[in-house]
Amino acid sequence: MNEITLNVTGMKCGGCEANIKNSVGSLPGIHSVEASSKENKVVVSFDEGKTGLDEIKEAIASSGFTVEE
């Protein structure tokens, strides 16, 4: 199992955090998602054999937020 911390901009409230949790959490192999609008961070624990980093970033982007590289 892998864990990654991503810097994500555009989150303003708990609703934004929930959108990211739902979007990323629906991907296969996701064990946990924690989003913090105060810290602009998303921490994802996942099975790399089922979901990759690109899919996680795409799910965040499709929710309307930006993953900072």
N, C-alpha and C. Protein backbone atom coordinates (compact mmCIF):
# COMPACT_ATOMS: atom_id res chain seq x y z
N MET A 1 0.84 -1.17 0.00
CA MET A 1 0.00 0.00 0.00
C MET A 1 0.89 1.24 0.00
N ASN A 2 0.51 2.22 -0.82
CA ASN A 2 1.26 3.46 -0.91
C ASN A 2 0.46 4.60 -0.28
N GLU A 3 1.18 5.61 0.17
CA GLU A 3 0.53 6.83 0.67
C GLU A 3 1.22 8.02 0.01
N ILE A 4 0.42 8.93 -0.49
CA ILE A 4 0.97 10.12 -1.14
C ILE A 4 0.27 11.35 -0.61
N THR A 5 1.04 12.43 -0.47
CA THR A 5 0.48 13.73 -0.08
C THR A 5 0.60 14.66 -1.26
N LEU A 6 -0.54 15.22 -1.68
CA LEU A 6 -0.58 16.13 -2.82
C LEU A 6 -0.96 17.53 -2.37
N ASN A 7 -0.32 18.53 -2.94
CA ASN A 7 -0.72 19.92 -2.72
C ASN A 7 -1.82 20.24 -3.72
N VAL A 8 -2.98 20.64 -3.19
CA VAL A 8 -4.15 20.88 -4.03
C VAL A 8 -4.69 22.28 -3.75
N THR A 9 -4.85 23.07 -4.80
CA THR A 9 -5.39 24.42 -4.63
C THR A 9 -6.84 24.46 -5.09
N GLY A 10 -7.57 25.43 -4.54
CA GLY A 10 -8.96 25.63 -4.92
C GLY A 10 -9.95 25.20 -3.87
N MET A 11 -9.51 24.44 -2.87
CA MET A 11 -10.41 24.02 -1.80
C MET A 11 -10.66 25.20 -0.87
N LYS A 12 -11.93 25.45 -0.56
CA LYS A 12 -12.27 26.58 0.29
C LYS A 12 -13.03 26.18 1.56
N CYS A 13 -13.62 24.95 1.55
CA CYS A 13 -14.50 24.60 2.67
C CYS A 13 -14.62 23.09 2.81
N GLY A 14 -15.41 22.68 3.77
CA GLY A 14 -15.66 21.26 3.99
C GLY A 14 -16.34 20.59 2.81
N GLY A 15 -17.16 21.34 2.10
CA GLY A 15 -17.81 20.79 0.91
C GLY A 15 -16.80 20.45 -0.17
N CYS A 16 -15.80 21.28 -0.32
CA CYS A 16 -14.72 21.01 -1.28
C CYS A 16 -13.97 19.75 -0.88
N GLU A 17 -13.68 19.63 0.42
CA GLU A 17 -12.99 18.44 0.92
C GLU A 17 -13.82 17.19 0.64
N ALA A 18 -15.12 17.28 0.87
CA ALA A 18 -16.01 16.13 0.64
C ALA A 18 -16.05 15.75 -0.83
N ASN A 19 -16.05 16.75 -1.73
CA ASN A 19 -16.06 16.45 -3.17
C ASN A 19 -14.82 15.64 -3.55
N ILE A 20 -13.67 16.05 -3.04
CA ILE A 20 -12.43 15.33 -3.35
C ILE A 20 -12.45 13.93 -2.74
N LYS A 21 -12.90 13.82 -1.49
CA LYS A 21 -12.96 12.51 -0.84
C LYS A 21 -13.86 11.55 -1.62
N ASN A 22 -15.01 12.05 -2.08
CA ASN A 22 -15.94 11.20 -2.83
C ASN A 22 -15.37 10.80 -4.19
N SER A 23 -14.78 11.77 -4.88
CA SER A 23 -14.25 11.51 -6.22
C SER A 23 -13.08 10.53 -6.18
N VAL A 24 -12.11 10.80 -5.33
CA VAL A 24 -10.94 9.93 -5.24
C VAL A 24 -11.32 8.60 -4.58
N GLY A 25 -12.18 8.67 -3.58
CA GLY A 25 -12.59 7.47 -2.85
C GLY A 25 -13.34 6.46 -3.70
N SER A 26 -13.91 6.91 -4.82
CA SER A 26 -14.65 6.00 -5.70
C SER A 26 -13.73 5.19 -6.63
N LEU A 27 -12.46 5.54 -6.68
CA LEU A 27 -11.51 4.81 -7.51
C LEU A 27 -11.21 3.45 -6.89
N PRO A 28 -10.91 2.44 -7.71
CA PRO A 28 -10.56 1.13 -7.16
C PRO A 28 -9.24 1.17 -6.41
N GLY A 29 -9.16 0.45 -5.30
CA GLY A 29 -7.91 0.33 -4.56
C GLY A 29 -7.61 1.47 -3.61
N ILE A 30 -8.55 2.40 -3.43
CA ILE A 30 -8.33 3.51 -2.50
C ILE A 30 -8.68 3.04 -1.09
N HIS A 31 -7.75 3.20 -0.16
CA HIS A 31 -7.98 2.79 1.22
C HIS A 31 -8.47 3.95 2.07
N SER A 32 -7.91 5.14 1.87
CA SER A 32 -8.36 6.31 2.61
C SER A 32 -7.99 7.59 1.86
N VAL A 33 -8.80 8.62 2.12
CA VAL A 33 -8.56 9.95 1.54
C VAL A 33 -8.80 10.97 2.63
N GLU A 34 -7.82 11.82 2.87
CA GLU A 34 -7.97 12.93 3.81
C GLU A 34 -7.68 14.21 3.06
N ALA A 35 -8.61 15.16 3.13
CA ALA A 35 -8.43 16.44 2.44
C ALA A 35 -8.51 17.57 3.45
N SER A 36 -7.62 18.54 3.34
CA SER A 36 -7.61 19.69 4.24
C SER A 36 -7.58 20.98 3.43
N SER A 37 -8.68 21.74 3.51
CA SER A 37 -8.72 23.02 2.79
C SER A 37 -7.81 24.05 3.48
N LYS A 38 -7.59 23.91 4.77
CA LYS A 38 -6.72 24.84 5.50
C LYS A 38 -5.27 24.68 5.09
N GLU A 39 -4.86 23.43 4.87
CA GLU A 39 -3.46 23.15 4.52
C GLU A 39 -3.26 22.98 3.02
N ASN A 40 -4.36 22.96 2.24
CA ASN A 40 -4.30 22.71 0.79
C ASN A 40 -3.59 21.40 0.49
N LYS A 41 -3.93 20.37 1.26
CA LYS A 41 -3.30 19.07 1.08
C LYS A 41 -4.35 17.96 1.00
N VAL A 42 -4.02 16.94 0.21
CA VAL A 42 -4.82 15.72 0.13
C VAL A 42 -3.87 14.55 0.35
N VAL A 43 -4.20 13.69 1.31
CA VAL A 43 -3.39 12.51 1.60
C VAL A 43 -4.21 11.30 1.19
N VAL A 44 -3.63 10.48 0.31
CA VAL A 44 -4.33 9.31 -0.22
C VAL A 44 -3.50 8.06 0.07
N SER A 45 -4.17 7.06 0.64
CA SER A 45 -3.58 5.75 0.84
C SER A 45 -4.23 4.82 -0.17
N PHE A 46 -3.41 4.13 -0.99
CA PHE A 46 -3.98 3.36 -2.10
C PHE A 46 -3.12 2.16 -2.46
N ASP A 47 -3.77 1.22 -3.17
CA ASP A 47 -3.10 0.04 -3.70
C ASP A 47 -2.66 0.37 -5.12
N GLU A 48 -1.35 0.49 -5.32
CA GLU A 48 -0.82 0.90 -6.62
C GLU A 48 -1.10 -0.13 -7.72
N GLY A 49 -1.42 -1.34 -7.34
CA GLY A 49 -1.76 -2.35 -8.32
C GLY A 49 -3.16 -2.14 -8.92
N LYS A 50 -3.98 -1.32 -8.26
CA LYS A 50 -5.34 -1.08 -8.73
C LYS A 50 -5.57 0.34 -9.24
N THR A 51 -4.87 1.31 -8.67
CA THR A 51 -5.02 2.71 -9.05
C THR A 51 -3.66 3.38 -8.99
N GLY A 52 -3.39 4.23 -9.97
CA GLY A 52 -2.12 4.95 -10.01
C GLY A 52 -2.27 6.42 -9.68
N LEU A 53 -1.15 7.06 -9.55
CA LEU A 53 -1.11 8.48 -9.23
C LEU A 53 -1.83 9.33 -10.27
N ASP A 54 -1.68 8.97 -11.54
CA ASP A 54 -2.34 9.74 -12.61
C ASP A 54 -3.86 9.71 -12.46
N GLU A 55 -4.41 8.55 -12.10
CA GLU A 55 -5.86 8.45 -11.91
C GLU A 55 -6.33 9.29 -10.72
N ILE A 56 -5.53 9.32 -9.67
CA ILE A 56 -5.87 10.12 -8.49
C ILE A 56 -5.86 11.61 -8.85
N LYS A 57 -4.82 12.03 -9.55
CA LYS A 57 -4.73 13.44 -9.96
C LYS A 57 -5.89 13.81 -10.89
N GLU A 58 -6.26 12.90 -11.79
CA GLU A 58 -7.36 13.15 -12.72
C GLU A 58 -8.69 13.28 -11.97
N ALA A 59 -8.90 12.46 -10.96
CA ALA A 59 -10.12 12.53 -10.16
C ALA A 59 -10.21 13.87 -9.43
N ILE A 60 -9.09 14.36 -8.92
CA ILE A 60 -9.07 15.65 -8.23
C ILE A 60 -9.36 16.77 -9.23
N ALA A 61 -8.71 16.71 -10.38
CA ALA A 61 -8.92 17.73 -11.42
C ALA A 61 -10.36 17.73 -11.92
N SER A 62 -10.96 16.55 -12.06
CA SER A 62 -12.34 16.48 -12.54
C SER A 62 -13.33 17.03 -11.52
N SER A 63 -12.88 17.16 -10.27
CA SER A 63 -13.71 17.77 -9.23
C SER A 63 -13.57 19.29 -9.22
N GLY A 64 -12.68 19.81 -10.07
CA GLY A 64 -12.53 21.25 -10.17
C GLY A 64 -11.38 21.85 -9.40
N PHE A 65 -10.44 21.02 -8.98
CA PHE A 65 -9.31 21.50 -8.19
C PHE A 65 -8.00 21.25 -8.92
N THR A 66 -6.95 21.92 -8.49
CA THR A 66 -5.67 21.84 -9.17
C THR A 66 -4.63 21.17 -8.28
N VAL A 67 -3.97 20.15 -8.82
CA VAL A 67 -2.88 19.49 -8.14
C VAL A 67 -1.60 20.22 -8.51
N GLU A 68 -0.92 20.76 -7.51
CA GLU A 68 0.34 21.48 -7.74
C GLU A 68 1.48 20.48 -7.85
N GLU A 69 2.33 20.69 -8.83
CA GLU A 69 3.49 19.79 -9.02
C GLU A 69 4.69 20.33 -8.28
